[in-house]
Amino acid sequence: MTDYTKAYFPQVVDSSMLSDFRVCPYKFFLTYMMHWKPQFESVHLVAGGAFAKGVECARRAFYEQGADQVEAEAAGLAGLITEYGDFECPIDSPKSLTRLCGALEFYFSQYPLKRDVCVPITMPDGRRGIEFAFREELEVNHPQTGNPIIYSGRSDATVDFAGGIYNIDEKTTTQLGAKWANQWDLRSQFTSYCWAGRRMKVPIQGTIIRGVSILKTKFATEQALTTRQGWELDRWEEMLYRDLERMLKMYHRMMDSNLPPRMVLDGACVRMGNAWDRNFEPACNDFGGCPFREVCRAKNPEGLLESSFAQRVWDPLQHKELTMEEWEQGWEVRSNYEQTS
């Protein structure tokens, strides 16, 4: 049985967590507090991560290690292959390892390192602006540790472009066009980059999104630019704090239930999860459907979770998934519930 006393509130939040919470708080609870993930990895996540690693390795080789274009691209391919690992691509997906390698070669034919107008800057701490990562303490304390909750993020590069400073974010996709290009102007992820840059004294004006379309017979690319004004950063920050307030309200509602051990079987309904609001709107079916759709339909979700999902922990700071054992070893304090039990 799942140990519901280990439903720790995240010490670090990022744009993915924030997005999932806004879509459906119950999805946030299952994904980031109980750490349930689909048993099989998404080809889109694997491919996107491998492609990003390939571009990063190539940039580091070229800008930091002094490699030429050919050597840098070779380093990028090696990084992509390592990151993709032994993942078995679904037969109907164009995002196989072979096609991804072709896409990386295509990318650098369109944006060659030696002629790229977007050149990574030198950050205030002396690092080159490749993999712009940040972790900013917020003015909200964690309900169990008492430490400030951290907001973290990471973009692919921070560059000088047309006399301004921008972030670059590479996106793999299957379709480009006007709809693709117009989806970024209100994207919270890109607002957070500018917000973090302001706090770090790096005046980031916006983000350049480079889309690479990977199909079975061809590649294509498109570039979009989205900017942010100071008032937009203020508005985003205000919404961030309101969302955290909602998260904490649901967390305390869950923990304040005087029904130890935090789980009551009423027709096998998990009382703990009921503290988190559900969406019950079109989001349940958008983009192929929420992975927890059948969980919400089940009177007894516990058995379905344990048979159809696996527990893996997303670590925003390391930007990778951990096993439950690795995550528990890194958790240095116990929850207030455990301390007072």
Protein backbone atom coordinates (compact mmCIF):
# COMPACT_ATOMS: atom_id res chain seq x y z
CA MET A 1 0.00 0.00 0.00
CA THR A 2 1.11 3.57 -0.66
CA ASP A 3 2.50 5.38 2.38
CA TYR A 4 0.39 8.55 2.39
CA THR A 5 2.27 10.03 5.35
CA LYS A 6 5.09 10.78 2.86
CA ALA A 7 3.03 13.22 0.84
CA TYR A 8 5.57 15.99 1.38
CA PHE A 9 4.91 19.43 -0.02
CA PRO A 10 7.51 20.22 -2.75
CA GLN A 11 10.49 22.24 -1.55
CA VAL A 12 11.08 23.42 -5.12
CA VAL A 13 8.47 24.36 -7.73
CA ASP A 14 8.96 25.01 -11.43
CA SER A 15 6.91 25.93 -14.49
CA SER A 16 5.76 22.34 -15.10
CA MET A 17 4.46 21.98 -11.56
CA LEU A 18 2.75 25.36 -11.74
CA SER A 19 1.13 24.48 -15.07
CA ASP A 20 -0.16 21.13 -13.81
CA PHE A 21 -1.53 22.72 -10.64
CA ARG A 22 -3.41 25.34 -12.66
CA VAL A 23 -4.85 22.67 -14.94
CA CYS A 24 -5.85 20.34 -12.10
CA PRO A 25 -4.69 20.44 -8.44
CA TYR A 26 -5.40 16.71 -8.05
CA LYS A 27 -3.04 15.97 -10.95
CA PHE A 28 -0.43 18.10 -9.16
CA PHE A 29 -0.96 16.10 -5.95
CA LEU A 30 -0.62 12.72 -7.68
CA THR A 31 2.37 13.77 -9.81
CA TYR A 32 4.47 15.90 -7.48
CA MET A 33 3.46 14.88 -3.98
CA MET A 34 2.71 11.18 -4.44
CA HIS A 35 5.10 10.98 -7.43
CA TRP A 36 2.97 8.73 -9.60
CA LYS A 37 4.11 8.66 -13.24
CA PRO A 38 3.00 6.52 -16.22
CA GLN A 39 5.03 3.30 -16.30
CA PHE A 40 6.24 4.00 -19.82
CA GLU A 41 8.20 7.12 -20.67
CA SER A 42 6.76 9.58 -23.18
CA VAL A 43 8.61 9.58 -26.51
CA HIS A 44 8.08 13.35 -26.68
CA LEU A 45 9.79 13.94 -23.34
CA VAL A 46 12.65 11.57 -24.13
CA ALA A 47 13.20 13.04 -27.59
CA GLY A 48 12.96 16.61 -26.37
CA GLY A 49 15.45 15.99 -23.58
CA ALA A 50 17.90 14.20 -25.87
CA PHE A 51 17.73 16.92 -28.52
CA ALA A 52 18.29 19.65 -25.90
CA LYS A 53 21.30 17.75 -24.53
CA GLY A 54 22.74 17.45 -28.04
CA VAL A 55 22.49 21.20 -28.65
CA GLU A 56 23.94 21.93 -25.21
CA CYS A 57 26.95 19.65 -25.73
CA ALA A 58 27.65 21.18 -29.13
CA ARG A 59 27.48 24.72 -27.75
CA ARG A 60 29.76 23.87 -24.84
CA ALA A 61 32.30 22.28 -27.16
CA PHE A 62 32.26 25.28 -29.51
CA TYR A 63 32.07 28.21 -27.08
CA GLU A 64 33.81 26.81 -23.99
CA GLN A 65 36.27 24.25 -25.32
CA GLY A 66 37.32 25.91 -28.58
CA ALA A 67 36.16 23.09 -30.87
CA ASP A 68 35.46 23.84 -34.51
CA GLN A 69 32.04 23.39 -36.10
CA VAL A 70 32.59 19.75 -37.09
CA GLU A 71 34.00 18.75 -33.70
CA ALA A 72 31.22 20.57 -31.87
CA GLU A 73 28.51 18.84 -33.89
CA ALA A 74 30.15 15.47 -33.19
CA ALA A 75 30.11 16.26 -29.46
CA GLY A 76 26.45 17.18 -29.79
CA LEU A 77 25.57 13.90 -31.49
CA ALA A 78 27.42 11.96 -28.79
CA GLY A 79 25.51 13.81 -26.08
CA LEU A 80 22.17 13.19 -27.80
CA ILE A 81 22.84 9.47 -28.22
CA THR A 82 23.87 9.10 -24.58
CA GLU A 83 20.82 10.99 -23.34
CA TYR A 84 18.42 8.99 -25.55
CA GLY A 85 19.92 5.79 -24.09
CA ASP A 86 18.16 2.49 -24.71
CA PHE A 87 14.69 4.00 -25.01
CA GLU A 88 12.55 2.02 -27.46
CA CYS A 89 10.75 4.45 -29.74
CA PRO A 90 7.15 3.49 -30.65
CA ILE A 91 7.05 2.22 -34.21
CA ASP A 92 4.56 4.90 -35.29
CA SER A 93 6.63 7.81 -33.94
CA PRO A 94 9.11 9.76 -36.08
CA LYS A 95 11.22 10.59 -33.01
CA SER A 96 13.53 7.61 -33.24
CA LEU A 97 17.21 7.95 -32.34
CA THR A 98 18.16 7.92 -36.03
CA ARG A 99 15.69 10.67 -36.92
CA LEU A 100 16.76 12.75 -33.90
CA CYS A 101 20.39 12.58 -35.00
CA GLY A 102 19.27 13.73 -38.44
CA ALA A 103 17.27 16.55 -36.83
CA LEU A 104 20.32 17.74 -34.89
CA GLU A 105 22.41 17.81 -38.06
CA PHE A 106 19.59 19.72 -39.78
CA TYR A 107 19.40 22.18 -36.87
CA PHE A 108 23.08 23.09 -37.17
CA SER A 109 22.77 23.42 -40.93
CA GLN A 110 20.12 26.09 -40.31
CA TYR A 111 21.77 27.68 -37.27
CA PRO A 112 25.50 27.01 -37.74
CA LEU A 113 27.50 27.76 -34.61
CA LYS A 114 30.16 29.78 -36.42
CA ARG A 115 27.54 32.07 -37.99
CA ASP A 116 24.76 32.06 -35.39
CA VAL A 117 23.57 35.60 -34.64
CA CYS A 118 22.61 34.42 -31.14
CA VAL A 119 25.83 34.19 -29.13
CA PRO A 120 25.81 33.02 -25.48
CA ILE A 121 26.67 35.87 -23.11
CA THR A 122 28.99 35.73 -20.13
CA MET A 123 26.88 35.65 -16.97
CA PRO A 124 27.64 37.79 -13.87
CA ASP A 125 29.27 34.79 -12.17
CA GLY A 126 31.66 34.27 -15.11
CA ARG A 127 29.90 31.27 -16.63
CA ARG A 128 28.96 31.23 -20.30
CA GLY A 129 25.20 31.57 -20.81
CA ILE A 130 24.65 27.95 -21.84
CA GLU A 131 21.88 26.26 -19.87
CA PHE A 132 20.53 29.31 -18.02
CA ALA A 133 19.53 27.78 -14.69
CA PHE A 134 18.16 29.63 -11.68
CA ARG A 135 16.79 28.93 -8.22
CA GLU A 136 15.12 31.87 -6.52
CA GLU A 137 13.93 31.87 -2.92
CA LEU A 138 10.33 33.00 -2.50
CA GLU A 139 8.71 34.88 0.38
CA VAL A 140 6.73 31.81 1.38
CA ASN A 141 8.01 29.26 3.87
CA HIS A 142 7.74 25.53 3.37
CA PRO A 143 5.07 24.06 5.69
CA GLN A 144 7.36 21.29 6.93
CA THR A 145 10.95 22.59 6.80
CA GLY A 146 10.29 26.26 7.51
CA ASN A 147 12.75 27.16 4.75
CA PRO A 148 11.77 29.44 1.86
CA ILE A 149 10.13 27.62 -1.03
CA ILE A 150 12.31 27.84 -4.13
CA TYR A 151 11.20 28.57 -7.68
CA SER A 152 13.56 27.08 -10.25
CA GLY A 153 13.87 26.99 -14.01
CA ARG A 154 16.24 26.31 -16.84
CA SER A 155 16.43 27.50 -20.44
CA ASP A 156 18.74 26.28 -23.18
CA ALA A 157 20.87 29.43 -23.50
CA THR A 158 21.06 33.13 -22.69
CA VAL A 159 22.33 35.05 -25.69
CA ASP A 160 23.09 38.44 -27.14
CA PHE A 161 20.73 39.14 -30.05
CA ALA A 162 20.16 42.41 -31.92
CA GLY A 163 21.63 44.42 -29.07
CA GLY A 164 19.49 42.81 -26.38
CA ILE A 165 19.65 39.79 -24.08
CA TYR A 166 17.30 36.90 -24.75
CA ASN A 167 16.91 33.28 -23.80
CA ILE A 168 16.81 30.54 -26.41
CA ASP A 169 14.56 27.53 -26.02
CA GLU A 170 14.61 24.68 -28.54
CA LYS A 171 11.37 22.76 -29.07
CA THR A 172 10.91 19.54 -31.01
CA THR A 173 7.50 19.19 -32.60
CA THR A 174 5.65 17.55 -35.47
CA GLN A 175 3.95 20.65 -36.83
CA LEU A 176 4.98 24.28 -37.30
CA GLY A 177 3.07 27.28 -38.60
CA ALA A 178 1.10 30.26 -37.31
CA LYS A 179 -0.57 28.30 -34.50
CA TRP A 180 2.80 27.06 -33.27
CA ALA A 181 4.39 30.51 -33.40
CA ASN A 182 1.51 32.30 -31.64
CA GLN A 183 1.35 30.08 -28.55
CA TRP A 184 4.30 31.58 -26.66
CA ASP A 185 3.31 35.18 -25.86
CA LEU A 186 1.50 34.25 -22.64
CA ARG A 187 3.53 31.15 -21.75
CA SER A 188 4.33 31.27 -18.04
CA GLN A 189 7.60 29.39 -18.54
CA PHE A 190 9.06 32.21 -20.63
CA THR A 191 7.78 34.92 -18.31
CA SER A 192 9.60 33.20 -15.45
CA TYR A 193 12.90 33.41 -17.36
CA CYS A 194 12.62 37.22 -17.57
CA TRP A 195 11.44 37.41 -13.94
CA ALA A 196 14.49 35.41 -12.78
CA GLY A 197 16.78 37.49 -14.98
CA ARG A 198 15.50 40.67 -13.33
CA ARG A 199 16.25 39.26 -9.89
CA MET A 200 19.72 38.16 -11.04
CA LYS A 201 20.48 41.59 -12.59
CA VAL A 202 20.47 40.11 -16.10
CA PRO A 203 18.04 42.20 -18.22
CA ILE A 204 16.46 39.39 -20.24
CA GLN A 205 13.98 40.91 -22.68
CA GLY A 206 12.31 37.72 -23.90
CA THR A 207 12.80 34.31 -25.41
CA ILE A 208 13.65 33.08 -28.89
CA ILE A 209 11.91 29.77 -29.50
CA ARG A 210 13.44 27.59 -32.20
CA GLY A 211 11.09 24.88 -33.31
CA VAL A 212 12.33 21.82 -35.15
CA SER A 213 9.69 19.72 -36.87
CA ILE A 214 10.60 16.03 -37.02
CA LEU A 215 8.62 14.00 -39.52
CA LYS A 216 9.36 10.60 -41.03
CA THR A 217 10.38 12.08 -44.38
CA LYS A 218 11.61 15.62 -43.68
CA PHE A 219 12.70 18.24 -41.19
CA ALA A 220 11.67 21.87 -40.91
CA THR A 221 12.38 24.77 -38.58
CA GLU A 222 10.77 28.01 -37.51
CA GLN A 223 11.79 30.71 -35.10
CA ALA A 224 9.50 32.80 -32.90
CA LEU A 225 10.36 35.69 -30.57
CA THR A 226 8.32 36.65 -27.53
CA THR A 227 9.09 39.56 -25.20
CA ARG A 228 7.97 40.60 -21.72
CA GLN A 229 7.51 44.00 -20.09
CA GLY A 230 8.15 44.77 -16.43
CA TRP A 231 4.45 44.95 -15.58
CA GLU A 232 3.99 41.45 -17.00
CA LEU A 233 6.68 40.16 -14.64
CA ASP A 234 4.94 41.85 -11.70
CA ARG A 235 1.63 40.29 -12.69
CA TRP A 236 3.23 36.86 -13.10
CA GLU A 237 4.84 37.09 -9.66
CA GLU A 238 1.55 38.08 -8.04
CA MET A 239 -0.16 35.08 -9.65
CA LEU A 240 2.68 32.81 -8.53
CA TYR A 241 2.09 33.76 -4.90
CA ARG A 242 -1.66 33.30 -5.25
CA ASP A 243 -1.12 29.83 -6.70
CA LEU A 244 1.22 28.92 -3.84
CA GLU A 245 -1.41 30.17 -1.40
CA ARG A 246 -3.95 27.82 -3.00
CA MET A 247 -1.49 24.91 -2.93
CA LEU A 248 -0.79 25.44 0.75
CA LYS A 249 -4.48 25.80 1.56
CA MET A 250 -5.19 22.39 0.02
CA TYR A 251 -2.13 20.90 1.70
CA HIS A 252 -3.24 22.10 5.14
CA ARG A 253 -6.79 20.94 4.43
CA MET A 254 -5.35 17.50 3.76
CA MET A 255 -3.07 17.41 6.80
CA ASP A 256 -5.57 18.97 9.21
CA SER A 257 -7.99 16.12 8.69
CA ASN A 258 -8.28 14.44 12.09
CA LEU A 259 -8.40 11.02 10.51
CA PRO A 260 -5.02 9.34 11.09
CA PRO A 261 -3.25 7.68 9.39
CA ARG A 262 -4.33 10.20 6.78
CA MET A 263 -6.27 7.63 4.83
CA VAL A 264 -9.83 6.48 5.37
CA LEU A 265 -11.46 3.79 3.33
CA ASP A 266 -15.02 4.74 2.42
CA GLY A 267 -15.68 2.43 -0.47
CA ALA A 268 -11.86 2.58 -0.80
CA CYS A 269 -11.92 6.33 -1.46
CA VAL A 270 -8.62 7.96 -0.54
CA ARG A 271 -9.52 10.77 1.85
CA MET A 272 -6.15 12.44 1.48
CA GLY A 273 -6.50 12.99 -2.24
CA ASN A 274 -9.97 14.44 -1.82
CA ALA A 275 -8.45 17.56 -0.30
CA TRP A 276 -7.14 18.49 -3.74
CA ASP A 277 -9.60 20.01 -6.21
CA ARG A 278 -10.25 18.20 -9.49
CA ASN A 279 -10.82 19.92 -12.82
CA PHE A 280 -13.55 17.75 -14.41
CA GLU A 281 -13.42 19.89 -17.57
CA PRO A 282 -12.02 19.46 -21.13
CA ALA A 283 -8.47 19.36 -19.71
CA CYS A 284 -9.18 15.72 -18.78
CA ASN A 285 -9.11 14.87 -22.49
CA ASP A 286 -6.82 17.51 -24.00
CA PHE A 287 -3.57 16.49 -25.70
CA GLY A 288 -4.41 12.82 -25.77
CA GLY A 289 -5.98 12.79 -22.31
CA CYS A 290 -4.70 13.21 -18.77
CA PRO A 291 -2.79 10.10 -17.64
CA PHE A 292 -4.93 10.03 -14.49
CA ARG A 293 -8.26 10.12 -16.31
CA GLU A 294 -9.20 6.56 -15.32
CA VAL A 295 -7.92 7.15 -11.79
CA CYS A 296 -10.50 9.91 -11.36
CA ARG A 297 -13.20 7.61 -12.69
CA ALA A 298 -12.33 4.83 -10.26
CA LYS A 299 -14.06 4.45 -6.91
CA ASN A 300 -10.91 2.74 -5.64
CA PRO A 301 -7.99 4.62 -7.22
CA GLU A 302 -5.35 3.03 -5.02
CA GLY A 303 -5.27 -0.30 -6.82
CA LEU A 304 -5.25 1.34 -10.25
CA LEU A 305 -2.36 3.62 -9.31
CA GLU A 306 -0.25 0.75 -8.03
CA SER A 307 -0.94 -1.48 -11.04
CA SER A 308 -0.69 1.09 -13.86
CA PHE A 309 1.79 3.68 -12.58
CA ALA A 310 5.26 3.82 -11.04
CA GLN A 311 6.60 6.19 -8.42
CA ARG A 312 9.42 8.38 -9.70
CA VAL A 313 10.36 11.81 -8.37
CA TRP A 314 11.04 14.80 -10.61
CA ASP A 315 13.89 16.92 -9.19
CA PRO A 316 13.72 20.43 -10.73
CA LEU A 317 17.18 21.37 -9.43
CA GLN A 318 18.97 18.38 -10.93
CA HIS A 319 16.56 18.41 -13.88
CA LYS A 320 16.10 14.65 -13.77
CA GLU A 321 13.95 11.94 -12.26
CA LEU A 322 14.99 10.15 -9.09
CA THR A 323 13.91 6.87 -7.59
CA MET A 324 11.85 7.07 -4.42
CA GLU A 325 14.88 5.79 -2.49
CA GLU A 326 17.13 8.53 -3.90
CA TRP A 327 14.55 11.17 -3.13
CA GLU A 328 13.99 10.01 0.46
CA GLN A 329 17.74 10.03 1.09
CA GLY A 330 17.86 13.66 -0.01
CA TRP A 331 14.97 14.73 2.19
CA GLU A 332 16.83 16.07 5.22
CA VAL A 333 13.93 16.90 7.49
CA ARG A 334 10.80 15.08 8.53
CA SER A 335 7.31 16.42 8.17
CA ASN A 336 5.62 18.15 11.10
CA TYR A 337 3.15 15.28 11.19
CA GLU A 338 5.91 12.75 11.74
CA GLN A 339 7.67 14.93 14.30
CA THR A 340 4.53 15.30 16.41
CA SER A 341 3.18 11.76 16.00
